[in-house]
């Protein structure tokens, strides 16, 4: 389990609401029961507010607890198919909600660093899957600021990202 001070979040301590992707999180595993307590504690600490609810895609995570104990309280966890598999949604009082891009745990450190930076800089203009695809491309981290995926990067028969959330979800 990750400690709150070791949680790998985008470098914006304010986590200000900006759009479809507000910031990014790079968990150590897809074990929601092990990863969420530290994330919730880190967000609580950085924002000086309490996360009330968490929303996750039900097929992305290995465990599916309905409540997480974090900082001495129970936080409700909702499981959805409608949420982007690359995202986690946090409901926090005084903030509409925060959408964190979930960087797959097996992502290489250079690609994860690029994705963390892109999620900070994109200001909600780039889709989650496109951030992960662009970050996984070879090249320096600064190159991703010039590449903003366009509709060419999307399947022309339905607007779906060509890359699944996790490799083994494809059948």
N, C-alpha and C. Protein backbone atom coordinates (compact mmCIF):
# COMPACT_ATOMS: atom_id res chain seq x y z
N UNK A 1 0.84 -1.19 0.00
CA UNK A 1 0.00 0.00 0.00
C UNK A 1 0.88 1.24 0.00
N UNK A 2 0.48 2.25 -0.73
CA UNK A 2 1.22 3.49 -0.86
C UNK A 2 0.85 4.44 0.27
N UNK A 3 1.84 5.17 0.81
CA UNK A 3 1.55 6.15 1.83
C UNK A 3 1.13 7.46 1.16
N UNK A 4 0.33 8.32 1.86
CA UNK A 4 -0.16 9.55 1.25
C UNK A 4 0.94 10.47 0.72
N UNK A 5 2.10 10.49 1.39
CA UNK A 5 3.17 11.37 0.93
C UNK A 5 3.92 10.80 -0.27
N UNK A 6 3.65 9.56 -0.64
CA UNK A 6 4.29 8.92 -1.79
C UNK A 6 3.33 8.76 -2.98
N UNK A 7 2.12 9.30 -2.89
CA UNK A 7 1.13 9.20 -3.96
C UNK A 7 1.64 9.98 -5.16
N UNK A 8 1.59 9.34 -6.32
CA UNK A 8 2.11 9.95 -7.54
C UNK A 8 0.99 10.68 -8.26
N UNK A 9 0.90 11.99 -7.99
CA UNK A 9 -0.11 12.86 -8.58
C UNK A 9 0.57 13.90 -9.46
N UNK A 10 -0.20 14.50 -10.36
CA UNK A 10 0.30 15.62 -11.16
C UNK A 10 0.83 16.70 -10.24
N UNK A 11 1.76 17.50 -10.74
CA UNK A 11 2.42 18.49 -9.88
C UNK A 11 1.62 19.75 -9.57
N UNK A 12 0.32 19.68 -9.44
CA UNK A 12 -0.47 20.84 -9.05
C UNK A 12 -1.12 20.56 -7.71
N UNK A 13 -0.62 21.14 -6.64
CA UNK A 13 -1.20 20.84 -5.33
C UNK A 13 -2.63 21.33 -5.18
N UNK A 14 -3.05 22.31 -5.96
CA UNK A 14 -4.41 22.84 -5.83
C UNK A 14 -5.44 21.93 -6.50
N UNK A 15 -5.04 21.16 -7.50
CA UNK A 15 -5.96 20.30 -8.26
C UNK A 15 -7.20 21.08 -8.70
N UNK A 16 -6.98 22.24 -9.29
CA UNK A 16 -8.09 23.08 -9.72
C UNK A 16 -8.87 22.43 -10.85
N UNK A 17 -10.17 22.62 -10.82
CA UNK A 17 -11.09 22.04 -11.80
C UNK A 17 -10.89 22.73 -13.14
N UNK A 18 -10.60 21.94 -14.19
CA UNK A 18 -10.35 22.54 -15.50
C UNK A 18 -11.15 21.92 -16.63
N UNK A 19 -11.48 20.66 -16.56
CA UNK A 19 -12.19 20.06 -17.68
C UNK A 19 -12.30 18.56 -17.55
N UNK A 20 -12.31 17.89 -18.71
CA UNK A 20 -12.47 16.44 -18.72
C UNK A 20 -11.36 15.75 -17.94
N UNK A 21 -10.14 16.25 -18.04
CA UNK A 21 -9.01 15.74 -17.28
C UNK A 21 -8.47 16.91 -16.45
N UNK A 22 -8.58 16.80 -15.16
CA UNK A 22 -8.09 17.88 -14.29
C UNK A 22 -6.64 17.67 -13.90
N UNK A 23 -6.28 16.46 -13.62
CA UNK A 23 -4.92 16.09 -13.22
C UNK A 23 -4.76 14.59 -13.45
N UNK A 24 -3.62 14.04 -13.05
CA UNK A 24 -3.38 12.61 -13.25
C UNK A 24 -2.86 11.96 -11.97
N UNK A 25 -3.09 10.65 -11.91
CA UNK A 25 -2.66 9.82 -10.78
C UNK A 25 -2.04 8.55 -11.34
N UNK A 26 -0.91 8.16 -10.80
CA UNK A 26 -0.21 6.95 -11.25
C UNK A 26 -0.17 5.97 -10.08
N UNK A 27 -1.20 5.12 -9.96
CA UNK A 27 -1.22 4.16 -8.84
C UNK A 27 -0.18 3.06 -9.05
N UNK A 28 0.19 2.41 -7.97
CA UNK A 28 1.17 1.31 -8.03
C UNK A 28 0.54 0.01 -8.52
N UNK A 29 -0.80 -0.09 -8.43
CA UNK A 29 -1.49 -1.31 -8.86
C UNK A 29 -2.94 -0.95 -9.19
N UNK A 30 -3.68 -1.94 -9.71
CA UNK A 30 -5.11 -1.78 -9.94
C UNK A 30 -5.93 -2.33 -8.77
N UNK A 31 -5.34 -2.43 -7.61
CA UNK A 31 -6.04 -2.89 -6.41
C UNK A 31 -6.64 -1.66 -5.72
N UNK A 32 -7.92 -1.41 -5.99
CA UNK A 32 -8.58 -0.21 -5.46
C UNK A 32 -8.54 -0.17 -3.93
N UNK A 33 -8.69 -1.32 -3.29
CA UNK A 33 -8.66 -1.36 -1.83
C UNK A 33 -7.32 -0.95 -1.26
N UNK A 34 -6.25 -1.22 -1.97
CA UNK A 34 -4.91 -0.87 -1.51
C UNK A 34 -4.51 0.55 -1.92
N UNK A 35 -4.95 1.02 -3.07
CA UNK A 35 -4.50 2.31 -3.61
C UNK A 35 -5.34 3.51 -3.18
N UNK A 36 -6.65 3.33 -3.06
CA UNK A 36 -7.52 4.48 -2.78
C UNK A 36 -7.29 5.14 -1.42
N UNK A 37 -7.01 4.42 -0.33
CA UNK A 37 -6.82 5.12 0.94
C UNK A 37 -5.72 6.18 0.89
N UNK A 38 -4.60 5.87 0.27
CA UNK A 38 -3.51 6.85 0.19
C UNK A 38 -3.88 8.01 -0.73
N UNK A 39 -4.56 7.72 -1.85
CA UNK A 39 -4.99 8.80 -2.75
C UNK A 39 -5.94 9.74 -2.02
N UNK A 40 -6.94 9.18 -1.35
CA UNK A 40 -7.92 10.00 -0.63
C UNK A 40 -7.22 10.84 0.44
N UNK A 41 -6.32 10.23 1.19
CA UNK A 41 -5.59 10.97 2.23
C UNK A 41 -4.75 12.09 1.62
N UNK A 42 -4.10 11.82 0.50
CA UNK A 42 -3.27 12.84 -0.15
C UNK A 42 -4.12 14.01 -0.65
N UNK A 43 -5.26 13.70 -1.27
CA UNK A 43 -6.15 14.75 -1.76
C UNK A 43 -6.71 15.55 -0.58
N UNK A 44 -7.16 14.86 0.47
CA UNK A 44 -7.66 15.54 1.68
C UNK A 44 -6.61 16.52 2.20
N UNK A 45 -5.38 16.05 2.28
CA UNK A 45 -4.29 16.84 2.85
C UNK A 45 -3.95 18.03 1.95
N UNK A 46 -3.86 17.80 0.65
CA UNK A 46 -3.46 18.88 -0.27
C UNK A 46 -4.54 19.95 -0.41
N UNK A 47 -5.80 19.54 -0.40
CA UNK A 47 -6.89 20.50 -0.58
C UNK A 47 -7.46 21.02 0.74
N UNK A 48 -7.07 20.38 1.83
CA UNK A 48 -7.62 20.70 3.15
C UNK A 48 -9.14 20.59 3.14
N UNK A 49 -9.63 19.57 2.42
CA UNK A 49 -11.05 19.22 2.34
C UNK A 49 -11.13 17.71 2.33
N UNK A 50 -12.32 17.20 2.50
CA UNK A 50 -12.50 15.75 2.58
C UNK A 50 -13.18 15.19 1.35
N UNK A 51 -12.58 14.18 0.76
CA UNK A 51 -13.21 13.48 -0.36
C UNK A 51 -14.44 12.76 0.20
N UNK A 52 -15.59 12.98 -0.43
CA UNK A 52 -16.84 12.34 0.01
C UNK A 52 -17.12 11.03 -0.71
N UNK A 53 -16.85 11.03 -2.02
CA UNK A 53 -17.16 9.86 -2.85
C UNK A 53 -16.10 9.71 -3.93
N UNK A 54 -15.97 8.48 -4.40
CA UNK A 54 -15.06 8.17 -5.48
C UNK A 54 -15.84 7.37 -6.52
N UNK A 55 -15.64 7.70 -7.79
CA UNK A 55 -16.26 6.95 -8.88
C UNK A 55 -15.19 6.33 -9.76
N UNK A 56 -15.35 5.04 -10.05
CA UNK A 56 -14.36 4.29 -10.84
C UNK A 56 -15.06 3.46 -11.90
N UNK A 57 -14.32 3.11 -12.95
CA UNK A 57 -14.84 2.20 -13.96
C UNK A 57 -14.72 0.77 -13.42
N UNK A 58 -15.80 0.02 -13.46
CA UNK A 58 -15.83 -1.29 -12.81
C UNK A 58 -14.96 -2.35 -13.47
N UNK A 59 -14.63 -2.21 -14.73
CA UNK A 59 -13.82 -3.23 -15.40
C UNK A 59 -12.32 -2.95 -15.35
N UNK A 60 -11.94 -1.79 -14.87
CA UNK A 60 -10.53 -1.42 -14.86
C UNK A 60 -9.81 -1.94 -13.62
N UNK A 61 -10.50 -2.03 -12.51
CA UNK A 61 -9.86 -2.32 -11.22
C UNK A 61 -10.02 -3.78 -10.83
N UNK A 62 -9.03 -4.33 -10.13
CA UNK A 62 -9.02 -5.74 -9.72
C UNK A 62 -9.94 -6.00 -8.52
N UNK A 63 -10.08 -5.04 -7.64
CA UNK A 63 -10.97 -5.18 -6.49
C UNK A 63 -12.03 -4.11 -6.58
N UNK A 64 -13.18 -4.36 -5.97
CA UNK A 64 -14.27 -3.39 -6.06
C UNK A 64 -14.94 -3.16 -4.71
N UNK A 65 -14.23 -2.57 -3.76
CA UNK A 65 -14.86 -2.25 -2.48
C UNK A 65 -15.91 -1.16 -2.66
N UNK A 66 -16.92 -1.18 -1.81
CA UNK A 66 -17.96 -0.15 -1.88
C UNK A 66 -17.72 0.97 -0.88
N UNK A 67 -16.82 0.74 0.03
CA UNK A 67 -16.39 1.75 1.00
C UNK A 67 -14.90 1.58 1.24
N UNK A 68 -14.23 2.70 1.43
CA UNK A 68 -12.80 2.71 1.72
C UNK A 68 -12.60 3.46 3.03
N UNK A 69 -11.83 2.87 3.92
CA UNK A 69 -11.47 3.58 5.16
C UNK A 69 -10.28 4.46 4.85
N UNK A 70 -10.46 5.75 5.07
CA UNK A 70 -9.39 6.72 4.81
C UNK A 70 -9.47 7.83 5.84
N UNK A 71 -8.37 8.04 6.52
CA UNK A 71 -8.27 9.11 7.52
C UNK A 71 -9.39 9.02 8.56
N UNK A 72 -9.67 7.81 9.02
CA UNK A 72 -10.62 7.62 10.09
C UNK A 72 -12.08 7.71 9.72
N UNK A 73 -12.41 7.61 8.46
CA UNK A 73 -13.81 7.66 8.03
C UNK A 73 -14.01 6.71 6.87
N UNK A 74 -15.25 6.49 6.52
CA UNK A 74 -15.61 5.64 5.39
C UNK A 74 -15.96 6.53 4.20
N UNK A 75 -15.33 6.27 3.06
CA UNK A 75 -15.60 7.01 1.84
C UNK A 75 -16.31 6.05 0.89
N UNK A 76 -17.45 6.48 0.37
CA UNK A 76 -18.22 5.64 -0.56
C UNK A 76 -17.53 5.57 -1.91
N UNK A 77 -17.57 4.37 -2.49
CA UNK A 77 -16.98 4.13 -3.81
C UNK A 77 -18.09 3.64 -4.73
N UNK A 78 -18.26 4.33 -5.85
CA UNK A 78 -19.24 3.93 -6.85
C UNK A 78 -18.54 3.31 -8.04
N UNK A 79 -19.16 2.27 -8.58
CA UNK A 79 -18.60 1.53 -9.71
C UNK A 79 -19.50 1.69 -10.91
N UNK A 80 -18.93 2.15 -12.03
CA UNK A 80 -19.72 2.49 -13.20
C UNK A 80 -19.10 1.94 -14.47
N UNK A 81 -19.93 1.72 -15.47
CA UNK A 81 -19.43 1.39 -16.80
C UNK A 81 -19.41 2.65 -17.67
N UNK A 82 -20.16 3.65 -17.29
CA UNK A 82 -20.27 4.87 -18.10
C UNK A 82 -19.06 5.79 -17.94
N UNK A 83 -18.31 5.68 -16.85
CA UNK A 83 -17.14 6.52 -16.64
C UNK A 83 -16.00 6.02 -17.54
N UNK A 84 -15.18 6.92 -18.02
CA UNK A 84 -14.04 6.54 -18.85
C UNK A 84 -13.14 5.58 -18.08
N UNK A 85 -12.72 4.48 -18.66
CA UNK A 85 -11.89 3.51 -17.94
C UNK A 85 -10.54 4.07 -17.51
N UNK A 86 -10.13 5.17 -18.10
CA UNK A 86 -8.86 5.80 -17.74
C UNK A 86 -9.02 6.85 -16.64
N UNK A 87 -10.22 6.99 -16.08
CA UNK A 87 -10.49 8.09 -15.15
C UNK A 87 -10.94 7.61 -13.78
N UNK A 88 -10.75 8.50 -12.80
CA UNK A 88 -11.33 8.35 -11.47
C UNK A 88 -11.96 9.70 -11.15
N UNK A 89 -13.14 9.67 -10.59
CA UNK A 89 -13.88 10.88 -10.27
C UNK A 89 -13.95 11.03 -8.76
N UNK A 90 -13.59 12.21 -8.25
CA UNK A 90 -13.63 12.50 -6.82
C UNK A 90 -14.65 13.59 -6.55
N UNK A 91 -15.55 13.34 -5.62
CA UNK A 91 -16.52 14.34 -5.20
C UNK A 91 -16.00 14.94 -3.89
N UNK A 92 -15.85 16.27 -3.89
CA UNK A 92 -15.26 16.99 -2.76
C UNK A 92 -16.14 18.20 -2.47
N UNK A 93 -16.51 18.46 -1.21
CA UNK A 93 -17.34 19.63 -0.91
C UNK A 93 -16.65 20.93 -1.35
N UNK A 94 -17.43 21.82 -1.93
CA UNK A 94 -16.92 23.12 -2.36
C UNK A 94 -16.25 23.10 -3.73
N UNK A 95 -16.13 21.92 -4.32
CA UNK A 95 -15.56 21.76 -5.66
C UNK A 95 -16.55 20.89 -6.41
N UNK A 96 -16.85 21.25 -7.64
CA UNK A 96 -17.83 20.46 -8.40
C UNK A 96 -17.47 18.98 -8.36
N UNK A 97 -16.33 18.63 -8.86
CA UNK A 97 -15.73 17.31 -8.78
C UNK A 97 -14.37 17.39 -9.45
N UNK A 98 -13.54 16.41 -9.23
CA UNK A 98 -12.22 16.37 -9.85
C UNK A 98 -12.10 15.06 -10.62
N UNK A 99 -11.65 15.17 -11.86
CA UNK A 99 -11.43 14.00 -12.70
C UNK A 99 -9.93 13.77 -12.84
N UNK A 100 -9.47 12.64 -12.32
CA UNK A 100 -8.06 12.30 -12.42
C UNK A 100 -7.87 11.24 -13.50
N UNK A 101 -6.92 11.48 -14.39
CA UNK A 101 -6.50 10.47 -15.34
C UNK A 101 -5.75 9.40 -14.56
N UNK A 102 -6.09 8.13 -14.78
CA UNK A 102 -5.39 7.03 -14.13
C UNK A 102 -4.35 6.50 -15.11
N UNK A 103 -3.09 6.70 -14.76
CA UNK A 103 -2.00 6.19 -15.58
C UNK A 103 -1.81 4.73 -15.20
N UNK A 104 -1.84 3.81 -16.15
CA UNK A 104 -1.72 2.39 -15.82
C UNK A 104 -0.47 2.11 -14.99
N UNK A 105 -0.61 1.28 -13.97
CA UNK A 105 0.51 1.00 -13.06
C UNK A 105 1.77 0.47 -13.76
N UNK A 106 1.61 -0.26 -14.86
CA UNK A 106 2.77 -0.82 -15.54
C UNK A 106 3.41 0.13 -16.55
N UNK A 107 2.99 1.38 -16.56
CA UNK A 107 3.57 2.38 -17.44
C UNK A 107 5.02 2.64 -17.03
N UNK A 108 5.87 2.82 -18.01
CA UNK A 108 7.27 3.12 -17.71
C UNK A 108 7.38 4.49 -17.04
N UNK A 109 8.36 4.69 -16.17
CA UNK A 109 8.50 6.00 -15.52
C UNK A 109 8.59 7.18 -16.49
N UNK A 110 9.36 7.09 -17.59
CA UNK A 110 9.37 8.25 -18.50
C UNK A 110 8.00 8.55 -19.11
N UNK A 111 7.26 7.51 -19.51
CA UNK A 111 5.93 7.73 -20.09
C UNK A 111 4.97 8.25 -19.02
N UNK A 112 5.05 7.74 -17.81
CA UNK A 112 4.18 8.22 -16.73
C UNK A 112 4.48 9.68 -16.41
N UNK A 113 5.76 10.05 -16.38
CA UNK A 113 6.11 11.46 -16.13
C UNK A 113 5.54 12.36 -17.22
N UNK A 114 5.61 11.90 -18.47
CA UNK A 114 5.04 12.69 -19.57
C UNK A 114 3.53 12.83 -19.40
N UNK A 115 2.86 11.74 -19.04
CA UNK A 115 1.39 11.79 -18.86
C UNK A 115 1.02 12.69 -17.69
N UNK A 116 1.77 12.61 -16.60
CA UNK A 116 1.50 13.49 -15.44
C UNK A 116 1.63 14.95 -15.86
N UNK A 117 2.66 15.27 -16.63
CA UNK A 117 2.84 16.64 -17.10
C UNK A 117 1.79 17.07 -18.08
N UNK A 118 1.44 16.20 -19.03
CA UNK A 118 0.41 16.55 -20.01
C UNK A 118 -0.93 16.80 -19.34
N UNK A 119 -1.28 15.98 -18.35
CA UNK A 119 -2.56 16.16 -17.66
C UNK A 119 -2.60 17.51 -16.95
N UNK A 120 -1.45 17.99 -16.51
CA UNK A 120 -1.36 19.30 -15.86
C UNK A 120 -1.50 20.42 -16.88
N UNK A 121 -0.87 20.24 -18.03
CA UNK A 121 -0.84 21.31 -19.04
C UNK A 121 -2.03 21.33 -19.97
N UNK A 122 -2.75 20.24 -20.13
CA UNK A 122 -3.78 20.16 -21.19
C UNK A 122 -5.01 21.00 -20.92
N UNK A 123 -5.25 21.35 -19.67
CA UNK A 123 -6.40 22.17 -19.30
C UNK A 123 -7.71 21.61 -19.85
N UNK A 124 -7.84 20.28 -19.84
CA UNK A 124 -9.09 19.64 -20.23
C UNK A 124 -9.32 19.54 -21.72
N UNK A 125 -8.33 19.91 -22.54
CA UNK A 125 -8.53 19.92 -23.99
C UNK A 125 -8.21 18.60 -24.66
N UNK A 126 -7.56 17.68 -23.97
CA UNK A 126 -7.17 16.41 -24.58
C UNK A 126 -7.88 15.27 -23.87
N UNK A 127 -8.34 14.32 -24.63
CA UNK A 127 -9.04 13.16 -24.07
C UNK A 127 -8.07 12.27 -23.29
N UNK A 128 -8.56 11.56 -22.28
CA UNK A 128 -7.69 10.73 -21.43
C UNK A 128 -6.86 9.71 -22.21
N UNK A 129 -7.49 8.95 -23.08
CA UNK A 129 -6.75 7.94 -23.85
C UNK A 129 -5.70 8.55 -24.75
N UNK A 130 -5.97 9.77 -25.25
CA UNK A 130 -5.01 10.44 -26.11
C UNK A 130 -3.78 10.90 -25.33
N UNK A 131 -3.98 11.30 -24.08
CA UNK A 131 -2.84 11.67 -23.24
C UNK A 131 -1.95 10.45 -23.04
N UNK A 132 -2.56 9.31 -22.73
CA UNK A 132 -1.77 8.10 -22.50
C UNK A 132 -1.05 7.66 -23.77
N UNK A 133 -1.71 7.75 -24.91
CA UNK A 133 -1.09 7.38 -26.17
C UNK A 133 0.07 8.30 -26.49
N UNK A 134 -0.13 9.60 -26.37
CA UNK A 134 0.94 10.56 -26.66
C UNK A 134 2.11 10.41 -25.69
N UNK A 135 1.82 10.15 -24.43
CA UNK A 135 2.89 10.00 -23.43
C UNK A 135 3.70 8.74 -23.67
N UNK A 136 3.09 7.74 -24.27
CA UNK A 136 3.78 6.47 -24.51
C UNK A 136 4.67 6.51 -25.74
N UNK A 137 4.56 7.57 -26.54
CA UNK A 137 5.39 7.70 -27.72
C UNK A 137 6.80 8.09 -27.31
N UNK A 138 7.78 7.66 -28.09
CA UNK A 138 9.16 8.00 -27.81
C UNK A 138 9.41 9.48 -28.08
N UNK A 139 10.33 10.05 -27.35
CA UNK A 139 10.69 11.44 -27.54
C UNK A 139 10.75 12.16 -26.22
N UNK A 140 11.28 13.38 -26.21
CA UNK A 140 11.42 14.13 -24.97
C UNK A 140 10.07 14.53 -24.40
N UNK A 141 10.03 14.74 -23.10
CA UNK A 141 8.78 15.09 -22.41
C UNK A 141 8.16 16.35 -22.97
N UNK A 142 8.98 17.35 -23.37
CA UNK A 142 8.44 18.61 -23.87
C UNK A 142 7.76 18.46 -25.22
N UNK A 143 8.06 17.39 -25.96
CA UNK A 143 7.45 17.20 -27.27
C UNK A 143 5.95 17.02 -27.16
N UNK A 144 5.45 16.54 -26.04
CA UNK A 144 4.02 16.30 -25.90
C UNK A 144 3.23 17.59 -25.81
N UNK A 145 3.86 18.71 -25.45
CA UNK A 145 3.11 19.96 -25.37
C UNK A 145 2.71 20.43 -26.76
N UNK A 146 3.48 20.04 -27.80
CA UNK A 146 3.15 20.46 -29.15
C UNK A 146 2.12 19.53 -29.79
N UNK A 147 2.04 18.29 -29.32
CA UNK A 147 1.13 17.32 -29.91
C UNK A 147 -0.19 17.32 -29.14
N UNK A 148 -1.22 17.82 -29.81
CA UNK A 148 -2.55 17.70 -29.25
C UNK A 148 -3.33 16.83 -30.21
N UNK A 149 -3.63 15.60 -29.82
CA UNK A 149 -4.31 14.69 -30.72
C UNK A 149 -5.59 15.30 -31.29
N UNK A 150 -5.80 15.05 -32.56
CA UNK A 150 -6.98 15.57 -33.23
C UNK A 150 -7.94 14.43 -33.51
N UNK A 151 -8.96 14.71 -34.29
CA UNK A 151 -9.91 13.67 -34.63
C UNK A 151 -9.27 12.56 -35.45
N UNK A 152 -8.12 12.83 -36.08
CA UNK A 152 -7.41 11.80 -36.83
C UNK A 152 -7.02 10.65 -35.90
N UNK A 153 -6.77 10.96 -34.63
CA UNK A 153 -6.38 9.95 -33.66
C UNK A 153 -7.55 9.08 -33.21
N UNK A 154 -8.75 9.41 -33.64
CA UNK A 154 -9.93 8.66 -33.20
C UNK A 154 -10.45 7.79 -34.32
N UNK A 155 -11.03 6.69 -33.95
CA UNK A 155 -11.67 5.79 -34.89
C UNK A 155 -12.76 6.57 -35.61
N UNK A 156 -12.78 6.50 -36.93
CA UNK A 156 -13.74 7.30 -37.68
C UNK A 156 -15.13 6.69 -37.75
N UNK A 157 -15.37 5.62 -37.03
CA UNK A 157 -16.69 4.99 -37.03
C UNK A 157 -17.35 5.02 -35.66
N UNK A 158 -17.09 6.02 -34.85
CA UNK A 158 -17.78 6.06 -33.57
C UNK A 158 -17.06 6.84 -32.49
N UNK A 159 -15.92 7.42 -32.82
CA UNK A 159 -15.24 8.28 -31.87
C UNK A 159 -14.68 7.57 -30.66
N UNK A 160 -14.26 6.32 -30.81
CA UNK A 160 -13.70 5.59 -29.69
C UNK A 160 -12.19 5.59 -29.79
N UNK A 161 -11.53 5.72 -28.67
CA UNK A 161 -10.09 5.64 -28.64
C UNK A 161 -9.66 4.27 -29.13
N UNK A 162 -8.60 4.22 -29.90
CA UNK A 162 -8.14 2.96 -30.46
C UNK A 162 -7.44 2.08 -29.43
N UNK A 163 -7.03 2.63 -28.32
CA UNK A 163 -6.27 1.88 -27.32
C UNK A 163 -7.16 1.60 -26.10
N UNK A 164 -7.29 0.32 -25.69
CA UNK A 164 -8.11 0.01 -24.52
C UNK A 164 -7.43 0.49 -23.24
N UNK A 165 -8.21 0.56 -22.14
CA UNK A 165 -7.68 1.00 -20.86
C UNK A 165 -6.58 0.07 -20.38
N UNK A 166 -6.76 -1.23 -20.53
CA UNK A 166 -5.76 -2.21 -20.12
C UNK A 166 -5.66 -3.27 -21.19
N UNK A 167 -4.47 -3.74 -21.41
CA UNK A 167 -4.23 -4.70 -22.47
C UNK A 167 -5.09 -5.94 -22.41
N UNK A 168 -5.35 -6.47 -21.22
CA UNK A 168 -6.09 -7.72 -21.16
C UNK A 168 -7.59 -7.55 -21.22
N UNK A 169 -8.08 -6.31 -21.38
CA UNK A 169 -9.53 -6.12 -21.52
C UNK A 169 -9.99 -6.44 -22.93
N UNK A 170 -9.06 -6.50 -23.89
CA UNK A 170 -9.45 -6.85 -25.24
C UNK A 170 -9.64 -8.35 -25.34
N UNK A 171 -10.65 -8.77 -26.03
CA UNK A 171 -10.93 -10.20 -26.10
C UNK A 171 -10.65 -10.76 -27.46
